[in-house]
């Protein structure tokens, strides 16, 4: 099973499960290694850089030197790609990419879809979602797409109700029911 997972990850990365360079390229075009066979990929430490480390020796067998540039702040990865510091990146979902392009007049292209990181409700004191008290404060990410995903998690947990069809771009203004008067606090993601 482990060999199968490594093989699948390798194939995904070799066919471009990354965001490629800006420009006039079509969606789905794989970033190519430079003349030396080197491909520099920006990624968040966990799990993306870890996944790339597993794939690195497999790409080496194909003559591709994979250099992994680890970022501790995911907000910096797309600008690094736009500025040419990296050849591709591996960390984001398409709504985040679309939001980045819109906010920054950028033209980054996605090449293939990747997994979405799971999102949940976490607390140091509350052990059951039904125990959330009236007027409780809940922190959500302050970027447009992950904030929307967090609101969707709160909706699935039964804490709020959102306008029909807003999806991952939901904002606090899209809350149509809030029976426990939950206070939403935007936090640096």
N, C-alpha and C. Protein backbone atom coordinates (compact mmCIF):
# COMPACT_ATOMS: atom_id res chain seq x y z
N UNK A 1 0.82 -1.20 0.00
CA UNK A 1 0.00 0.00 0.00
C UNK A 1 0.86 1.26 0.00
N UNK A 2 1.94 1.24 0.81
CA UNK A 2 2.82 2.42 0.88
C UNK A 2 3.44 2.70 -0.48
N UNK A 3 3.88 1.64 -1.19
CA UNK A 3 4.46 1.83 -2.52
C UNK A 3 3.43 2.41 -3.47
N UNK A 4 2.19 1.99 -3.35
CA UNK A 4 1.12 2.51 -4.20
C UNK A 4 0.93 4.00 -3.96
N UNK A 5 0.91 4.41 -2.70
CA UNK A 5 0.73 5.83 -2.36
C UNK A 5 1.89 6.65 -2.92
N UNK A 6 3.12 6.17 -2.76
CA UNK A 6 4.28 6.88 -3.29
C UNK A 6 4.18 6.99 -4.80
N UNK A 7 3.77 5.91 -5.47
CA UNK A 7 3.63 5.93 -6.92
C UNK A 7 2.59 6.96 -7.34
N UNK A 8 1.44 6.96 -6.69
CA UNK A 8 0.39 7.92 -7.04
C UNK A 8 0.87 9.35 -6.83
N UNK A 9 1.50 9.61 -5.69
CA UNK A 9 2.02 10.96 -5.43
C UNK A 9 3.05 11.36 -6.48
N UNK A 10 3.89 10.44 -6.85
CA UNK A 10 4.90 10.74 -7.86
C UNK A 10 4.26 11.10 -9.19
N UNK A 11 3.30 10.30 -9.59
CA UNK A 11 2.63 10.58 -10.86
C UNK A 11 1.91 11.92 -10.82
N UNK A 12 1.26 12.20 -9.72
CA UNK A 12 0.56 13.48 -9.59
C UNK A 12 1.55 14.62 -9.72
N UNK A 13 2.66 14.54 -9.01
CA UNK A 13 3.64 15.63 -9.06
C UNK A 13 4.32 15.72 -10.42
N UNK A 14 4.62 14.58 -11.02
CA UNK A 14 5.28 14.62 -12.32
C UNK A 14 4.36 15.18 -13.39
N UNK A 15 3.05 15.01 -13.23
CA UNK A 15 2.13 15.56 -14.21
C UNK A 15 1.68 16.95 -13.82
N UNK A 16 2.17 17.43 -12.67
CA UNK A 16 1.96 18.83 -12.37
C UNK A 16 0.86 19.14 -11.39
N UNK A 17 0.86 18.55 -10.23
CA UNK A 17 -0.12 18.92 -9.21
C UNK A 17 0.37 20.15 -8.47
N UNK A 18 0.69 21.15 -9.23
CA UNK A 18 1.30 22.35 -8.69
C UNK A 18 0.68 23.55 -9.40
N UNK A 19 0.91 24.71 -8.85
CA UNK A 19 0.54 25.93 -9.56
C UNK A 19 1.74 26.34 -10.37
N UNK A 20 1.52 26.59 -11.64
CA UNK A 20 2.62 26.91 -12.53
C UNK A 20 2.85 28.40 -12.67
N UNK A 21 3.81 28.72 -13.46
CA UNK A 21 4.24 30.10 -13.63
C UNK A 21 3.14 30.96 -14.24
N UNK A 22 3.24 32.26 -14.00
CA UNK A 22 2.31 33.22 -14.57
C UNK A 22 2.54 33.32 -16.06
N UNK A 23 1.55 33.84 -16.75
CA UNK A 23 1.73 34.09 -18.17
C UNK A 23 0.55 33.62 -18.96
N UNK A 24 0.78 33.37 -20.25
CA UNK A 24 -0.30 33.04 -21.16
C UNK A 24 -0.54 31.54 -21.28
N UNK A 25 0.05 30.75 -20.42
CA UNK A 25 -0.11 29.31 -20.50
C UNK A 25 -1.56 28.91 -20.21
N UNK A 26 -1.94 27.77 -20.73
CA UNK A 26 -3.28 27.26 -20.51
C UNK A 26 -3.35 26.53 -19.18
N UNK A 27 -4.57 26.46 -18.59
CA UNK A 27 -4.75 25.66 -17.39
C UNK A 27 -4.30 24.25 -17.73
N UNK A 28 -3.66 23.60 -16.80
CA UNK A 28 -3.25 22.22 -16.99
C UNK A 28 -1.85 22.05 -17.56
N UNK A 29 -1.17 23.13 -17.91
CA UNK A 29 0.19 23.01 -18.44
C UNK A 29 1.16 22.81 -17.28
N UNK A 30 1.98 21.81 -17.39
CA UNK A 30 2.93 21.46 -16.33
C UNK A 30 4.15 22.36 -16.38
N UNK A 31 4.61 22.88 -15.22
CA UNK A 31 5.85 23.64 -15.24
C UNK A 31 7.01 22.71 -15.58
N UNK A 32 7.91 23.19 -16.39
CA UNK A 32 9.03 22.36 -16.82
C UNK A 32 10.27 22.68 -15.99
N UNK A 33 11.10 21.68 -15.76
CA UNK A 33 12.37 21.97 -15.09
C UNK A 33 13.19 22.92 -15.98
N UNK A 34 14.08 23.69 -15.37
CA UNK A 34 14.93 24.58 -16.17
C UNK A 34 15.94 23.76 -16.97
N UNK A 35 16.84 24.44 -17.68
CA UNK A 35 17.81 23.76 -18.55
C UNK A 35 18.65 22.74 -17.80
N UNK A 36 18.86 22.95 -16.51
CA UNK A 36 19.70 22.02 -15.74
C UNK A 36 18.91 20.83 -15.20
N UNK A 37 17.61 20.80 -15.46
CA UNK A 37 16.79 19.72 -14.94
C UNK A 37 16.34 19.97 -13.51
N UNK A 38 16.42 21.22 -13.08
CA UNK A 38 16.05 21.57 -11.70
C UNK A 38 14.67 22.23 -11.69
N UNK A 39 13.84 21.82 -10.74
CA UNK A 39 12.52 22.39 -10.55
C UNK A 39 12.43 22.87 -9.11
N UNK A 40 12.21 24.17 -8.92
CA UNK A 40 12.12 24.76 -7.58
C UNK A 40 10.64 24.94 -7.25
N UNK A 41 10.20 24.27 -6.19
CA UNK A 41 8.79 24.29 -5.80
C UNK A 41 8.65 24.85 -4.40
N UNK A 42 7.79 25.85 -4.26
CA UNK A 42 7.48 26.42 -2.95
C UNK A 42 6.34 25.66 -2.31
N UNK A 43 6.45 25.42 -1.02
CA UNK A 43 5.43 24.65 -0.31
C UNK A 43 5.42 25.01 1.16
N UNK A 44 4.27 24.82 1.79
CA UNK A 44 4.20 24.93 3.24
C UNK A 44 4.84 23.68 3.83
N UNK A 45 5.31 23.81 5.06
CA UNK A 45 6.08 22.72 5.68
C UNK A 45 5.28 21.43 5.78
N UNK A 46 4.11 21.50 6.36
CA UNK A 46 3.31 20.30 6.59
C UNK A 46 1.94 20.48 5.97
N UNK A 47 1.49 19.57 5.20
CA UNK A 47 2.14 18.34 4.78
C UNK A 47 2.85 18.46 3.44
N UNK A 48 2.71 19.62 2.78
CA UNK A 48 3.14 19.72 1.39
C UNK A 48 4.63 19.49 1.17
N UNK A 49 5.49 20.13 1.94
CA UNK A 49 6.93 19.90 1.78
C UNK A 49 7.28 18.45 2.11
N UNK A 50 6.58 17.88 3.09
CA UNK A 50 6.82 16.47 3.44
C UNK A 50 6.45 15.55 2.28
N UNK A 51 5.36 15.85 1.61
CA UNK A 51 4.94 15.05 0.45
C UNK A 51 5.99 15.17 -0.65
N UNK A 52 6.46 16.40 -0.88
CA UNK A 52 7.49 16.60 -1.91
C UNK A 52 8.78 15.85 -1.58
N UNK A 53 9.13 15.76 -0.30
CA UNK A 53 10.34 15.01 0.10
C UNK A 53 10.22 13.54 -0.29
N UNK A 54 9.02 12.99 -0.20
CA UNK A 54 8.81 11.58 -0.58
C UNK A 54 8.99 11.42 -2.08
N UNK A 55 8.57 12.41 -2.83
CA UNK A 55 8.62 12.34 -4.29
C UNK A 55 10.00 12.67 -4.85
N UNK A 56 10.77 13.42 -4.12
CA UNK A 56 12.08 13.92 -4.58
C UNK A 56 12.97 12.82 -5.19
N UNK A 57 13.18 11.68 -4.52
CA UNK A 57 14.05 10.66 -5.11
C UNK A 57 13.45 10.02 -6.36
N UNK A 58 12.15 9.98 -6.44
CA UNK A 58 11.50 9.40 -7.62
C UNK A 58 11.71 10.31 -8.82
N UNK A 59 11.58 11.63 -8.60
CA UNK A 59 11.83 12.58 -9.67
C UNK A 59 13.30 12.55 -10.08
N UNK A 60 14.19 12.34 -9.11
CA UNK A 60 15.63 12.25 -9.42
C UNK A 60 15.90 11.12 -10.40
N UNK A 61 15.18 10.01 -10.24
CA UNK A 61 15.33 8.88 -11.17
C UNK A 61 14.92 9.27 -12.59
N UNK A 62 14.06 10.29 -12.70
CA UNK A 62 13.61 10.78 -14.00
C UNK A 62 14.50 11.92 -14.51
N UNK A 63 15.57 12.21 -13.76
CA UNK A 63 16.50 13.26 -14.17
C UNK A 63 16.07 14.67 -13.76
N UNK A 64 15.13 14.75 -12.83
CA UNK A 64 14.65 16.05 -12.36
C UNK A 64 15.13 16.27 -10.94
N UNK A 65 15.89 17.34 -10.74
CA UNK A 65 16.32 17.71 -9.40
C UNK A 65 15.23 18.60 -8.80
N UNK A 66 14.61 18.13 -7.76
CA UNK A 66 13.55 18.89 -7.09
C UNK A 66 14.15 19.64 -5.91
N UNK A 67 14.06 20.97 -5.98
CA UNK A 67 14.46 21.80 -4.84
C UNK A 67 13.18 22.29 -4.17
N UNK A 68 13.05 21.98 -2.90
CA UNK A 68 11.85 22.36 -2.15
C UNK A 68 12.17 23.60 -1.34
N UNK A 69 11.44 24.66 -1.61
CA UNK A 69 11.61 25.90 -0.85
C UNK A 69 10.44 25.98 0.12
N UNK A 70 10.75 25.78 1.40
CA UNK A 70 9.73 25.73 2.44
C UNK A 70 9.35 27.13 2.91
N UNK A 71 8.06 27.39 3.02
CA UNK A 71 7.55 28.66 3.51
C UNK A 71 6.78 28.42 4.80
N UNK A 72 7.02 29.25 5.80
CA UNK A 72 6.25 29.14 7.05
C UNK A 72 4.99 29.99 6.98
N UNK A 73 4.94 30.94 6.04
CA UNK A 73 3.76 31.79 5.86
C UNK A 73 3.25 31.58 4.45
N UNK A 74 2.11 30.89 4.32
CA UNK A 74 1.62 30.55 2.98
C UNK A 74 1.25 31.76 2.15
N UNK A 75 1.03 32.90 2.78
CA UNK A 75 0.68 34.12 2.05
C UNK A 75 1.84 34.57 1.14
N UNK A 76 3.05 34.15 1.43
CA UNK A 76 4.23 34.58 0.67
C UNK A 76 4.54 33.71 -0.54
N UNK A 77 3.87 32.57 -0.67
CA UNK A 77 4.25 31.62 -1.72
C UNK A 77 3.85 32.11 -3.11
N UNK A 78 2.62 32.57 -3.29
CA UNK A 78 2.22 33.05 -4.61
C UNK A 78 3.04 34.26 -5.06
N UNK A 79 3.29 35.25 -4.19
CA UNK A 79 4.16 36.35 -4.62
C UNK A 79 5.56 35.87 -5.05
N UNK A 80 6.09 34.86 -4.37
CA UNK A 80 7.39 34.31 -4.77
C UNK A 80 7.32 33.71 -6.17
N UNK A 81 6.20 33.10 -6.50
CA UNK A 81 6.03 32.53 -7.84
C UNK A 81 5.92 33.65 -8.88
N UNK A 82 5.13 34.67 -8.58
CA UNK A 82 4.99 35.80 -9.49
C UNK A 82 6.34 36.46 -9.75
N UNK A 83 7.17 36.57 -8.71
CA UNK A 83 8.48 37.23 -8.82
C UNK A 83 9.55 36.32 -9.42
N UNK A 84 9.22 35.06 -9.72
CA UNK A 84 10.17 34.16 -10.34
C UNK A 84 11.17 33.52 -9.38
N UNK A 85 10.93 33.61 -8.08
CA UNK A 85 11.83 32.99 -7.11
C UNK A 85 11.68 31.47 -7.08
N UNK A 86 10.51 30.98 -7.52
CA UNK A 86 10.23 29.55 -7.58
C UNK A 86 9.58 29.26 -8.94
N UNK A 87 9.60 27.99 -9.34
CA UNK A 87 9.01 27.60 -10.63
C UNK A 87 7.55 27.20 -10.51
N UNK A 88 7.16 26.74 -9.34
CA UNK A 88 5.80 26.26 -9.12
C UNK A 88 5.56 26.25 -7.62
N UNK A 89 4.30 26.03 -7.23
CA UNK A 89 4.03 25.87 -5.80
C UNK A 89 3.02 24.76 -5.57
N UNK A 90 2.95 24.32 -4.33
CA UNK A 90 2.13 23.17 -3.95
C UNK A 90 1.60 23.45 -2.55
N UNK A 91 0.39 24.06 -2.47
CA UNK A 91 -0.14 24.36 -1.14
C UNK A 91 -1.59 24.79 -1.11
N UNK A 92 -2.20 25.16 -2.21
CA UNK A 92 -3.46 25.90 -2.15
C UNK A 92 -4.58 25.23 -2.93
N UNK A 93 -5.80 25.68 -2.64
CA UNK A 93 -6.94 25.23 -3.43
C UNK A 93 -7.27 26.31 -4.46
N UNK A 94 -8.07 25.95 -5.45
CA UNK A 94 -8.36 26.84 -6.57
C UNK A 94 -9.05 28.13 -6.13
N UNK A 95 -10.03 28.11 -5.21
CA UNK A 95 -10.62 29.39 -4.79
C UNK A 95 -9.59 30.35 -4.18
N UNK A 96 -8.61 29.84 -3.45
CA UNK A 96 -7.56 30.70 -2.89
C UNK A 96 -6.73 31.30 -4.03
N UNK A 97 -6.38 30.47 -5.01
CA UNK A 97 -5.62 30.95 -6.17
C UNK A 97 -6.40 32.02 -6.92
N UNK A 98 -7.67 31.76 -7.18
CA UNK A 98 -8.51 32.74 -7.88
C UNK A 98 -8.58 34.06 -7.12
N UNK A 99 -8.73 33.98 -5.80
CA UNK A 99 -8.78 35.19 -4.98
C UNK A 99 -7.44 35.93 -5.05
N UNK A 100 -6.33 35.20 -4.98
CA UNK A 100 -5.01 35.84 -5.08
C UNK A 100 -4.87 36.56 -6.42
N UNK A 101 -5.22 35.87 -7.51
CA UNK A 101 -5.11 36.49 -8.84
C UNK A 101 -5.94 37.77 -8.92
N UNK A 102 -7.15 37.71 -8.40
CA UNK A 102 -8.05 38.87 -8.44
C UNK A 102 -7.51 40.03 -7.61
N UNK A 103 -7.03 39.74 -6.42
CA UNK A 103 -6.55 40.79 -5.51
C UNK A 103 -5.21 41.38 -5.94
N UNK A 104 -4.44 40.65 -6.74
CA UNK A 104 -3.08 41.07 -7.07
C UNK A 104 -2.83 41.26 -8.56
N UNK A 105 -3.89 41.28 -9.35
CA UNK A 105 -3.76 41.40 -10.81
C UNK A 105 -2.71 40.42 -11.34
N UNK A 106 -2.75 39.22 -10.82
CA UNK A 106 -1.81 38.17 -11.22
C UNK A 106 -2.51 37.22 -12.19
N UNK A 107 -1.73 36.38 -12.82
CA UNK A 107 -2.27 35.43 -13.78
C UNK A 107 -1.66 34.05 -13.57
N UNK A 108 -1.61 33.62 -12.31
CA UNK A 108 -1.11 32.28 -12.02
C UNK A 108 -2.14 31.27 -12.48
N UNK A 109 -1.69 30.12 -12.94
CA UNK A 109 -2.57 29.07 -13.45
C UNK A 109 -2.46 27.83 -12.58
N UNK A 110 -3.59 27.16 -12.38
CA UNK A 110 -3.53 25.87 -11.69
C UNK A 110 -3.30 24.80 -12.74
N UNK A 111 -2.62 23.76 -12.31
CA UNK A 111 -2.26 22.69 -13.22
C UNK A 111 -3.08 21.44 -12.95
N UNK A 112 -3.25 21.12 -11.69
CA UNK A 112 -4.08 19.98 -11.31
C UNK A 112 -4.59 20.24 -9.90
N UNK A 113 -5.72 19.68 -9.61
CA UNK A 113 -6.29 19.85 -8.27
C UNK A 113 -5.50 18.99 -7.28
N UNK A 114 -5.38 19.49 -6.06
CA UNK A 114 -4.74 18.73 -5.00
C UNK A 114 -5.73 18.57 -3.85
N UNK A 115 -5.32 17.85 -2.84
CA UNK A 115 -6.17 17.64 -1.67
C UNK A 115 -6.44 18.98 -0.97
N UNK A 116 -7.53 19.06 -0.25
CA UNK A 116 -7.81 20.20 0.63
C UNK A 116 -7.47 19.78 2.05
N UNK A 117 -6.82 20.65 2.77
CA UNK A 117 -6.52 20.35 4.17
C UNK A 117 -7.83 20.30 4.94
N UNK A 118 -7.97 19.33 5.83
CA UNK A 118 -9.18 19.26 6.63
C UNK A 118 -9.29 20.48 7.54
N UNK A 119 -10.51 20.85 7.82
CA UNK A 119 -10.77 21.98 8.70
C UNK A 119 -11.76 21.49 9.74
N UNK A 120 -11.61 21.92 10.96
CA UNK A 120 -12.51 21.48 12.02
C UNK A 120 -12.74 22.57 13.04
N UNK A 121 -13.48 22.23 14.06
CA UNK A 121 -13.75 23.14 15.17
C UNK A 121 -12.93 22.63 16.35
N UNK A 122 -12.09 23.50 16.92
CA UNK A 122 -11.19 23.09 18.00
C UNK A 122 -11.36 24.01 19.20
N UNK A 123 -11.22 23.46 20.39
CA UNK A 123 -11.33 24.24 21.62
C UNK A 123 -10.47 23.62 22.71
N UNK A 124 -10.00 24.47 23.61
CA UNK A 124 -9.27 23.98 24.78
C UNK A 124 -10.22 23.58 25.90
N UNK A 125 -11.46 24.05 25.84
CA UNK A 125 -12.39 23.82 26.95
C UNK A 125 -13.67 23.09 26.56
N UNK A 126 -14.14 23.26 25.35
CA UNK A 126 -15.40 22.65 24.93
C UNK A 126 -15.11 21.29 24.29
N UNK A 127 -15.82 20.27 24.75
CA UNK A 127 -15.56 18.92 24.24
C UNK A 127 -16.67 18.42 23.32
N UNK A 128 -17.77 19.15 23.24
CA UNK A 128 -18.90 18.73 22.42
C UNK A 128 -19.49 19.97 21.75
N UNK A 129 -19.76 19.88 20.47
CA UNK A 129 -20.26 21.04 19.72
C UNK A 129 -21.58 21.56 20.30
N UNK A 130 -22.38 20.67 20.89
CA UNK A 130 -23.64 21.09 21.49
C UNK A 130 -23.43 21.92 22.76
N UNK A 131 -22.21 21.91 23.29
CA UNK A 131 -21.91 22.66 24.51
C UNK A 131 -21.47 24.10 24.25
N UNK A 132 -21.42 24.51 22.99
CA UNK A 132 -21.05 25.89 22.68
C UNK A 132 -22.11 26.80 23.27
N UNK A 133 -21.67 27.75 24.09
CA UNK A 133 -22.62 28.61 24.80
C UNK A 133 -23.09 29.78 23.95
N UNK A 134 -24.23 30.35 24.34
CA UNK A 134 -24.74 31.55 23.67
C UNK A 134 -23.70 32.65 23.78
N UNK A 135 -23.47 33.35 22.67
CA UNK A 135 -22.53 34.46 22.67
C UNK A 135 -21.07 34.05 22.61
N UNK A 136 -20.80 32.77 22.39
CA UNK A 136 -19.40 32.30 22.31
C UNK A 136 -18.69 32.99 21.15
N UNK A 137 -17.38 33.14 21.28
CA UNK A 137 -16.57 33.73 20.22
C UNK A 137 -15.84 32.61 19.49
N UNK A 138 -15.90 32.67 18.16
CA UNK A 138 -15.26 31.67 17.32
C UNK A 138 -14.32 32.40 16.37
N UNK A 139 -13.07 31.97 16.32
CA UNK A 139 -12.09 32.55 15.40
C UNK A 139 -12.08 31.80 14.09
N UNK A 140 -12.03 32.55 12.99
CA UNK A 140 -11.93 31.94 11.67
C UNK A 140 -10.80 32.64 10.90
N UNK A 141 -10.23 31.98 9.88
CA UNK A 141 -9.16 32.60 9.09
C UNK A 141 -9.62 33.88 8.41
N UNK A 142 -8.72 34.85 8.29
CA UNK A 142 -9.09 36.14 7.72
C UNK A 142 -8.94 36.21 6.21
N UNK A 143 -8.50 35.14 5.55
CA UNK A 143 -8.45 35.22 4.09
C UNK A 143 -9.79 34.76 3.53
N UNK A 144 -10.12 35.31 2.39
CA UNK A 144 -11.47 35.14 1.83
C UNK A 144 -11.91 33.69 1.70
N UNK A 145 -11.10 32.83 1.15
CA UNK A 145 -11.57 31.48 0.89
C UNK A 145 -11.55 30.58 2.10
N UNK A 146 -10.52 30.68 2.94
CA UNK A 146 -10.50 29.82 4.12
C UNK A 146 -11.49 30.30 5.17
N UNK A 147 -11.75 31.60 5.21
CA UNK A 147 -12.80 32.11 6.09
C UNK A 147 -14.15 31.54 5.69
N UNK A 148 -14.40 31.48 4.39
CA UNK A 148 -15.64 30.89 3.89
C UNK A 148 -15.74 29.41 4.22
N UNK A 149 -14.63 28.70 4.07
CA UNK A 149 -14.63 27.28 4.43
C UNK A 149 -14.94 27.10 5.91
N UNK A 150 -14.37 27.97 6.75
CA UNK A 150 -14.62 27.89 8.20
C UNK A 150 -16.09 28.14 8.51
N UNK A 151 -16.69 29.11 7.83
CA UNK A 151 -18.12 29.37 8.04
C UNK A 151 -18.95 28.16 7.62
N UNK A 152 -18.53 27.49 6.56
CA UNK A 152 -19.25 26.28 6.14
C UNK A 152 -19.13 25.18 7.19
N UNK A 153 -17.98 25.08 7.85
CA UNK A 153 -17.81 24.10 8.94
C UNK A 153 -18.76 24.43 10.08
N UNK A 154 -18.85 25.71 10.43
CA UNK A 154 -19.77 26.13 11.50
C UNK A 154 -21.22 25.83 11.11
N UNK A 155 -21.53 25.99 9.84
CA UNK A 155 -22.89 25.66 9.38
C UNK A 155 -23.14 24.16 9.49
N UNK A 156 -22.19 23.34 9.05
CA UNK A 156 -22.35 21.89 9.15
C UNK A 156 -22.47 21.43 10.60
N UNK A 157 -21.86 22.19 11.51
CA UNK A 157 -21.93 21.86 12.94
C UNK A 157 -23.24 22.34 13.55
N UNK A 158 -24.06 23.05 12.78
CA UNK A 158 -25.35 23.51 13.27
C UNK A 158 -25.29 24.80 14.08
N UNK A 159 -24.17 25.50 14.04
CA UNK A 159 -24.04 26.73 14.83
C UNK A 159 -24.58 27.96 14.11
N UNK A 160 -24.52 27.95 12.77
CA UNK A 160 -25.04 29.07 11.98
C UNK A 160 -25.71 28.51 10.74
N UNK A 161 -26.40 29.38 10.00
CA UNK A 161 -26.94 29.03 8.68
C UNK A 161 -26.50 30.13 7.73
N UNK A 162 -26.01 29.73 6.56
CA UNK A 162 -25.54 30.67 5.54
C UNK A 162 -26.57 30.82 4.43
N UNK A 163 -26.48 31.94 3.69
CA UNK A 163 -27.30 32.12 2.50
C UNK A 163 -27.06 30.94 1.57
N UNK A 164 -28.10 30.53 0.91
CA UNK A 164 -28.03 29.42 -0.03
C UNK A 164 -27.02 29.72 -1.14
N UNK A 165 -26.11 28.77 -1.39
CA UNK A 165 -25.23 28.83 -2.54
C UNK A 165 -23.98 29.69 -2.42
N UNK A 166 -23.68 30.26 -1.25
CA UNK A 166 -22.50 31.14 -1.16
C UNK A 166 -21.19 30.36 -1.17
N UNK A 167 -21.19 29.13 -0.71
CA UNK A 167 -20.01 28.27 -0.79
C UNK A 167 -18.80 28.83 -0.08
N UNK A 168 -17.60 28.54 -0.63
CA UNK A 168 -16.35 28.90 0.03
C UNK A 168 -16.08 30.39 0.07
N UNK A 169 -16.85 31.17 -0.66
CA UNK A 169 -16.66 32.62 -0.63
C UNK A 169 -17.58 33.29 0.37
N UNK A 170 -18.19 32.51 1.25
CA UNK A 170 -19.09 33.06 2.28
C UNK A 170 -18.33 34.02 3.19
N UNK A 171 -19.04 35.05 3.62
CA UNK A 171 -18.50 36.01 4.59
C UNK A 171 -19.46 36.09 5.76
N UNK A 172 -19.08 36.80 6.77
CA UNK A 172 -19.93 36.97 7.94
C UNK A 172 -21.29 37.58 7.55
N UNK A 173 -21.31 38.40 6.51
CA UNK A 173 -22.55 39.01 6.04
C UNK A 173 -23.51 37.99 5.42
N UNK A 174 -23.01 36.80 5.11
CA UNK A 174 -23.84 35.75 4.52
C UNK A 174 -24.51 34.87 5.57
N UNK A 175 -24.30 35.16 6.84
CA UNK A 175 -24.96 34.39 7.91
C UNK A 175 -26.41 34.86 7.99
N UNK A 176 -27.34 33.93 7.77
CA UNK A 176 -28.77 34.29 7.83
C UNK A 176 -29.42 33.83 9.13
N UNK A 177 -28.82 32.87 9.80
CA UNK A 177 -29.31 32.43 11.11
C UNK A 177 -28.11 32.22 12.02
N UNK A 178 -28.24 32.69 13.26
CA UNK A 178 -27.19 32.55 14.25
C UNK A 178 -27.87 32.37 15.61
N UNK A 179 -28.51 31.21 15.82
CA UNK A 179 -29.34 31.01 17.01
C UNK A 179 -28.60 31.15 18.34
N UNK A 180 -27.30 30.94 18.35
CA UNK A 180 -26.54 31.06 19.61
C UNK A 180 -25.78 32.39 19.68
N UNK A 181 -26.07 33.30 18.73
CA UNK A 181 -25.40 34.60 18.70
C UNK A 181 -23.88 34.47 18.78
N UNK A 182 -23.36 33.55 17.99
CA UNK A 182 -21.91 33.32 17.93
C UNK A 182 -21.24 34.59 17.41
N UNK A 183 -20.17 35.00 18.08
CA UNK A 183 -19.38 36.15 17.62
C UNK A 183 -18.24 35.60 16.78
N UNK A 184 -18.13 36.08 15.56
CA UNK A 184 -17.08 35.63 14.65
C UNK A 184 -15.92 36.62 14.73
N UNK A 185 -14.73 36.11 14.98
CA UNK A 185 -13.52 36.94 15.02
C UNK A 185 -12.59 36.49 13.91
N UNK A 186 -12.22 37.44 13.05
CA UNK A 186 -11.28 37.14 11.97
C UNK A 186 -9.87 37.11 12.54
N UNK A 187 -9.12 36.05 12.23
CA UNK A 187 -7.77 35.88 12.76
C UNK A 187 -6.78 35.66 11.62
N UNK A 188 -5.55 36.10 11.82
CA UNK A 188 -4.52 35.84 10.82
C UNK A 188 -4.40 34.34 10.59
N UNK A 189 -4.45 33.97 9.34
CA UNK A 189 -4.40 32.55 9.00
C UNK A 189 -2.96 32.07 8.94
